Each structure stands twice: as C-alpha cells, then as structure tokens.
Amino acid sequence: MRTRLSICRRKQRFASEEAALTTAREATIELRHYRCDRCGQFHLTSRTKGKRVQRPST
C-alpha cells in the first residue's frame, strides 16, 4: 500500500535508516521505521497491522 502524500508531508523525515532507528529506540512506545515510497526517506510508525514483526529470539 502506498503512503498517502498528505501523511508523508506531516511526518518527520529521516535521511538515513540509522537516524530513524536511533529515534525509534529512544521513544517511549514501540516504533518501527520504513522507507517512504513518496519521498524516499525514512518515517516511523507504531502500526503493525499486516506487517511482519520480528519475534525476539529465545
């Protein structure tokens, strides 16, 4: 599913995957990063519906 342009414009953009990951780790809620198909940069989201979530290794 494509990111709506109006959503892309409202979200914070990260130029690198590392910057997005660092911010996601510092957040108080669980966030994941993704590359936006509109702007080509990285955004963060808390949504996991329909996404494969990595399970912690035991």
PDB file of N, CA and C in Angstrom:
ATOM      1  N   MET A   1       0.842  -1.175   0.000  1.00  0.00           N
ATOM      2  CA  MET A   1       0.000   0.000   0.000  1.00  0.00           C
ATOM      3  C   MET A   1       0.890   1.242   0.000  1.00  0.00           C
ATOM      4  N   ARG A   2       0.560   2.192  -0.822  1.00  0.00           N
ATOM      5  CA  ARG A   2       1.344   3.419  -0.922  1.00  0.00           C
ATOM      6  C   ARG A   2       1.008   4.359   0.219  1.00  0.00           C
ATOM      7  N   THR A   3       2.004   5.108   0.652  1.00  0.00           N
ATOM      8  CA  THR A   3       1.805   6.143   1.660  1.00  0.00           C
ATOM      9  C   THR A   3       1.093   7.317   1.003  1.00  0.00           C
ATOM     10  N   ARG A   4       0.034   7.791   1.647  1.00  0.00           N
ATOM     11  CA  ARG A   4      -0.653   8.961   1.095  1.00  0.00           C
ATOM     12  C   ARG A   4       0.247  10.178   1.218  1.00  0.00           C
ATOM     13  N   LEU A   5       0.235  11.035   0.211  1.00  0.00           N
ATOM     14  CA  LEU A   5       1.090  12.209   0.192  1.00  0.00           C
ATOM     15  C   LEU A   5       0.814  13.117   1.392  1.00  0.00           C
ATOM     16  N   SER A   6      -0.455  13.235   1.797  1.00  0.00           N
ATOM     17  CA  SER A   6      -0.783  14.085   2.945  1.00  0.00           C
ATOM     18  C   SER A   6      -0.171  13.538   4.230  1.00  0.00           C
ATOM     19  N   ILE A   7      -0.072  12.224   4.354  1.00  0.00           N
ATOM     20  CA  ILE A   7       0.552  11.608   5.531  1.00  0.00           C
ATOM     21  C   ILE A   7       2.057  11.849   5.490  1.00  0.00           C
ATOM     22  N   CYS A   8       2.660  11.659   4.346  1.00  0.00           N
ATOM     23  CA  CYS A   8       4.096  11.858   4.190  1.00  0.00           C
ATOM     24  C   CYS A   8       4.487  13.280   4.585  1.00  0.00           C
ATOM     25  N   ARG A   9       3.718  14.250   4.163  1.00  0.00           N
ATOM     26  CA  ARG A   9       4.043  15.647   4.447  1.00  0.00           C
ATOM     27  C   ARG A   9       3.993  15.978   5.934  1.00  0.00           C
ATOM     28  N   ARG A  10       3.154  15.270   6.689  1.00  0.00           N
ATOM     29  CA  ARG A  10       3.016  15.548   8.118  1.00  0.00           C
ATOM     30  C   ARG A  10       4.067  14.863   8.973  1.00  0.00           C
ATOM     31  N   LYS A  11       4.647  13.792   8.478  1.00  0.00           N
ATOM     32  CA  LYS A  11       5.579  13.007   9.278  1.00  0.00           C
ATOM     33  C   LYS A  11       6.997  13.574   9.236  1.00  0.00           C
ATOM     34  N   GLN A  12       7.709  13.301  10.316  1.00  0.00           N
ATOM     35  CA  GLN A  12       9.120  13.678  10.369  1.00  0.00           C
ATOM     36  C   GLN A  12       9.892  12.774   9.424  1.00  0.00           C
ATOM     37  N   ARG A  13      10.851  13.355   8.723  1.00  0.00           N
ATOM     38  CA  ARG A  13      11.662  12.589   7.772  1.00  0.00           C
ATOM     39  C   ARG A  13      13.060  12.377   8.332  1.00  0.00           C
ATOM     40  N   PHE A  14      13.595  11.192   8.076  1.00  0.00           N
ATOM     41  CA  PHE A  14      14.952  10.857   8.474  1.00  0.00           C
ATOM     42  C   PHE A  14      15.724  10.510   7.209  1.00  0.00           C
ATOM     43  N   ALA A  15      16.863  11.126   7.045  1.00  0.00           N
ATOM     44  CA  ALA A  15      17.664  10.922   5.839  1.00  0.00           C
ATOM     45  C   ALA A  15      18.301   9.541   5.791  1.00  0.00           C
ATOM     46  N   SER A  16      18.558   8.953   6.966  1.00  0.00           N
ATOM     47  CA  SER A  16      19.203   7.639   6.991  1.00  0.00           C
ATOM     48  C   SER A  16      18.410   6.664   7.858  1.00  0.00           C
ATOM     49  N   GLU A  17      18.596   5.397   7.571  1.00  0.00           N
ATOM     50  CA  GLU A  17      17.947   4.349   8.348  1.00  0.00           C
ATOM     51  C   GLU A  17      18.455   4.366   9.789  1.00  0.00           C
ATOM     52  N   GLU A  18      19.743   4.653   9.963  1.00  0.00           N
ATOM     53  CA  GLU A  18      20.341   4.688  11.299  1.00  0.00           C
ATOM     54  C   GLU A  18      19.695   5.774  12.165  1.00  0.00           C
ATOM     55  N   ALA A  19      19.439   6.937  11.577  1.00  0.00           N
ATOM     56  CA  ALA A  19      18.809   8.031  12.324  1.00  0.00           C
ATOM     57  C   ALA A  19      17.392   7.655  12.753  1.00  0.00           C
ATOM     58  N   ALA A  20      16.662   7.001  11.872  1.00  0.00           N
ATOM     59  CA  ALA A  20      15.301   6.568  12.199  1.00  0.00           C
ATOM     60  C   ALA A  20      15.323   5.509  13.303  1.00  0.00           C
ATOM     61  N   LEU A  21      16.256   4.566  13.218  1.00  0.00           N
ATOM     62  CA  LEU A  21      16.368   3.517  14.239  1.00  0.00           C
ATOM     63  C   LEU A  21      16.733   4.097  15.606  1.00  0.00           C
ATOM     64  N   THR A  22      17.626   5.049  15.630  1.00  0.00           N
ATOM     65  CA  THR A  22      18.034   5.677  16.881  1.00  0.00           C
ATOM     66  C   THR A  22      16.847   6.363  17.545  1.00  0.00           C
ATOM     67  N   THR A  23      16.085   7.092  16.773  1.00  0.00           N
ATOM     68  CA  THR A  23      14.908   7.779  17.308  1.00  0.00           C
ATOM     69  C   THR A  23      13.867   6.778  17.786  1.00  0.00           C
ATOM     70  N   ALA A  24      13.668   5.705  17.041  1.00  0.00           N
ATOM     71  CA  ALA A  24      12.692   4.682  17.428  1.00  0.00           C
ATOM     72  C   ALA A  24      13.085   4.016  18.742  1.00  0.00           C
ATOM     73  N   ARG A  25      14.366   3.772  18.943  1.00  0.00           N
ATOM     74  CA  ARG A  25      14.832   3.143  20.189  1.00  0.00           C
ATOM     75  C   ARG A  25      14.650   4.053  21.393  1.00  0.00           C
ATOM     76  N   GLU A  26      14.746   5.373  21.179  1.00  0.00           N
ATOM     77  CA  GLU A  26      14.622   6.337  22.271  1.00  0.00           C
ATOM     78  C   GLU A  26      13.174   6.651  22.625  1.00  0.00           C
ATOM     79  N   ALA A  27      12.231   6.215  21.813  1.00  0.00           N
ATOM     80  CA  ALA A  27      10.816   6.521  22.030  1.00  0.00           C
ATOM     81  C   ALA A  27      10.268   5.722  23.211  1.00  0.00           C
ATOM     82  N   THR A  28       9.199   6.251  23.800  1.00  0.00           N
ATOM     83  CA  THR A  28       8.567   5.574  24.934  1.00  0.00           C
ATOM     84  C   THR A  28       7.566   4.520  24.483  1.00  0.00           C
ATOM     85  N   ILE A  29       7.233   4.498  23.194  1.00  0.00           N
ATOM     86  CA  ILE A  29       6.357   3.468  22.637  1.00  0.00           C
ATOM     87  C   ILE A  29       7.126   2.700  21.579  1.00  0.00           C
ATOM     88  N   GLU A  30       6.616   1.535  21.205  1.00  0.00           N
ATOM     89  CA  GLU A  30       7.298   0.719  20.198  1.00  0.00           C
ATOM     90  C   GLU A  30       7.035   1.294  18.811  1.00  0.00           C
ATOM     91  N   LEU A  31       8.105   1.629  18.117  1.00  0.00           N
ATOM     92  CA  LEU A  31       8.013   2.184  16.775  1.00  0.00           C
ATOM     93  C   LEU A  31       8.854   1.356  15.824  1.00  0.00           C
ATOM     94  N   ARG A  32       8.482   1.370  14.559  1.00  0.00           N
ATOM     95  CA  ARG A  32       9.291   0.734  13.528  1.00  0.00           C
ATOM     96  C   ARG A  32       9.520   1.749  12.424  1.00  0.00           C
ATOM     97  N   HIS A  33      10.581   1.579  11.686  1.00  0.00           N
ATOM     98  CA  HIS A  33      10.905   2.503  10.604  1.00  0.00           C
ATOM     99  C   HIS A  33      10.536   1.876   9.271  1.00  0.00           C
ATOM    100  N   TYR A  34      10.338   2.723   8.276  1.00  0.00           N
ATOM    101  CA  TYR A  34      10.090   2.250   6.923  1.00  0.00           C
ATOM    102  C   TYR A  34      10.524   3.319   5.926  1.00  0.00           C
ATOM    103  N   ARG A  35      10.883   2.884   4.744  1.00  0.00           N
ATOM    104  CA  ARG A  35      11.241   3.826   3.678  1.00  0.00           C
ATOM    105  C   ARG A  35       9.953   4.228   2.962  1.00  0.00           C
ATOM    106  N   CYS A  36       9.755   5.517   2.861  1.00  0.00           N
ATOM    107  CA  CYS A  36       8.554   6.064   2.236  1.00  0.00           C
ATOM    108  C   CYS A  36       8.655   5.958   0.719  1.00  0.00           C
ATOM    109  N   ASP A  37       7.591   5.483   0.099  1.00  0.00           N
ATOM    110  CA  ASP A  37       7.586   5.366  -1.358  1.00  0.00           C
ATOM    111  C   ASP A  37       7.295   6.701  -2.041  1.00  0.00           C
ATOM    112  N   ARG A  38       6.976   7.724  -1.271  1.00  0.00           N
ATOM    113  CA  ARG A  38       6.728   9.058  -1.838  1.00  0.00           C
ATOM    114  C   ARG A  38       7.999   9.911  -1.851  1.00  0.00           C
ATOM    115  N   CYS A  39       8.645  10.030  -0.674  1.00  0.00           N
ATOM    116  CA  CYS A  39       9.794  10.935  -0.568  1.00  0.00           C
ATOM    117  C   CYS A  39      11.129  10.196  -0.595  1.00  0.00           C
ATOM    118  N   GLY A  40      11.109   8.878  -0.393  1.00  0.00           N
ATOM    119  CA  GLY A  40      12.342   8.097  -0.434  1.00  0.00           C
ATOM    120  C   GLY A  40      13.143   8.135   0.858  1.00  0.00           C
ATOM    121  N   GLN A  41      12.672   8.893   1.839  1.00  0.00           N
ATOM    122  CA  GLN A  41      13.349   8.937   3.129  1.00  0.00           C
ATOM    123  C   GLN A  41      12.637   8.003   4.102  1.00  0.00           C
ATOM    124  N   PHE A  42      13.077   7.999   5.358  1.00  0.00           N
ATOM    125  CA  PHE A  42      12.508   7.096   6.350  1.00  0.00           C
ATOM    126  C   PHE A  42      11.537   7.832   7.262  1.00  0.00           C
ATOM    127  N   HIS A  43      10.461   7.135   7.632  1.00  0.00           N
ATOM    128  CA  HIS A  43       9.484   7.620   8.598  1.00  0.00           C
ATOM    129  C   HIS A  43       9.373   6.572   9.697  1.00  0.00           C
ATOM    130  N   LEU A  44       8.698   6.937  10.797  1.00  0.00           N
ATOM    131  CA  LEU A  44       8.422   6.000  11.882  1.00  0.00           C
ATOM    132  C   LEU A  44       6.921   5.777  11.979  1.00  0.00           C
ATOM    133  N   THR A  45       6.538   4.582  12.400  1.00  0.00           N
ATOM    134  CA  THR A  45       5.139   4.265  12.607  1.00  0.00           C
ATOM    135  C   THR A  45       5.007   3.317  13.789  1.00  0.00           C
ATOM    136  N   SER A  46       3.847   3.377  14.426  1.00  0.00           N
ATOM    137  CA  SER A  46       3.560   2.436  15.506  1.00  0.00           C
ATOM    138  C   SER A  46       2.633   1.328  15.016  1.00  0.00           C
ATOM    139  N   ARG A  47       2.175   1.430  13.792  1.00  0.00           N
ATOM    140  CA  ARG A  47       1.259   0.435  13.237  1.00  0.00           C
ATOM    141  C   ARG A  47       1.994  -0.845  12.888  1.00  0.00           C
ATOM    142  N   THR A  48       1.354  -1.968  13.182  1.00  0.00           N
ATOM    143  CA  THR A  48       1.946  -3.263  12.844  1.00  0.00           C
ATOM    144  C   THR A  48       0.957  -4.134  12.075  1.00  0.00           C
ATOM    145  N   LYS A  49      -0.266  -3.674  11.880  1.00  0.00           N
ATOM    146  CA  LYS A  49      -1.270  -4.479  11.197  1.00  0.00           C
ATOM    147  C   LYS A  49      -0.810  -4.808   9.784  1.00  0.00           C
ATOM    148  N   GLY A  50      -0.772  -6.091   9.468  1.00  0.00           N
ATOM    149  CA  GLY A  50      -0.381  -6.526   8.144  1.00  0.00           C
ATOM    150  C   GLY A  50       1.121  -6.542   7.908  1.00  0.00           C
ATOM    151  N   LYS A  51       1.893  -6.220   8.918  1.00  0.00           N
ATOM    152  CA  LYS A  51       3.349  -6.199   8.780  1.00  0.00           C
ATOM    153  C   LYS A  51       3.945  -7.369   9.535  1.00  0.00           C
ATOM    154  N   ARG A  52       5.021  -7.895   9.020  1.00  0.00           N
ATOM    155  CA  ARG A  52       5.732  -8.971   9.724  1.00  0.00           C
ATOM    156  C   ARG A  52       6.583  -8.357  10.809  1.00  0.00           C
ATOM    157  N   VAL A  53       6.358  -8.763  12.018  1.00  0.00           N
ATOM    158  CA  VAL A  53       7.089  -8.238  13.157  1.00  0.00           C
ATOM    159  C   VAL A  53       8.084  -9.294  13.603  1.00  0.00           C
ATOM    160  N   GLN A  54       9.324  -8.907  13.749  1.00  0.00           N
ATOM    161  CA  GLN A  54      10.348  -9.848  14.177  1.00  0.00           C
ATOM    162  C   GLN A  54      10.101 -10.240  15.629  1.00  0.00           C
ATOM    163  N   ARG A  55      10.128 -11.533  15.862  1.00  0.00           N
ATOM    164  CA  ARG A  55       9.952 -12.036  17.219  1.00  0.00           C
ATOM    165  C   ARG A  55      11.314 -12.100  17.899  1.00  0.00           C
ATOM    166  N   PRO A  56      11.343 -11.771  19.190  1.00  0.00           N
ATOM    167  CA  PRO A  56      12.625 -11.863  19.886  1.00  0.00           C
ATOM    168  C   PRO A  56      13.101 -13.311  19.932  1.00  0.00           C
ATOM    169  N   SER A  57      14.392 -13.514  19.722  1.00  0.00           N
ATOM    170  CA  SER A  57      14.929 -14.874  19.749  1.00  0.00           C
ATOM    171  C   SER A  57      15.008 -15.360  21.190  1.00  0.00           C
ATOM    172  N   THR A  58      14.710 -16.646  21.377  1.00  0.00           N
ATOM    173  CA  THR A  58      14.716 -17.212  22.743  1.00  0.00           C
ATOM    174  C   THR A  58      15.929 -18.044  22.992  1.00  0.00           C
TER     175      THR A  58
END
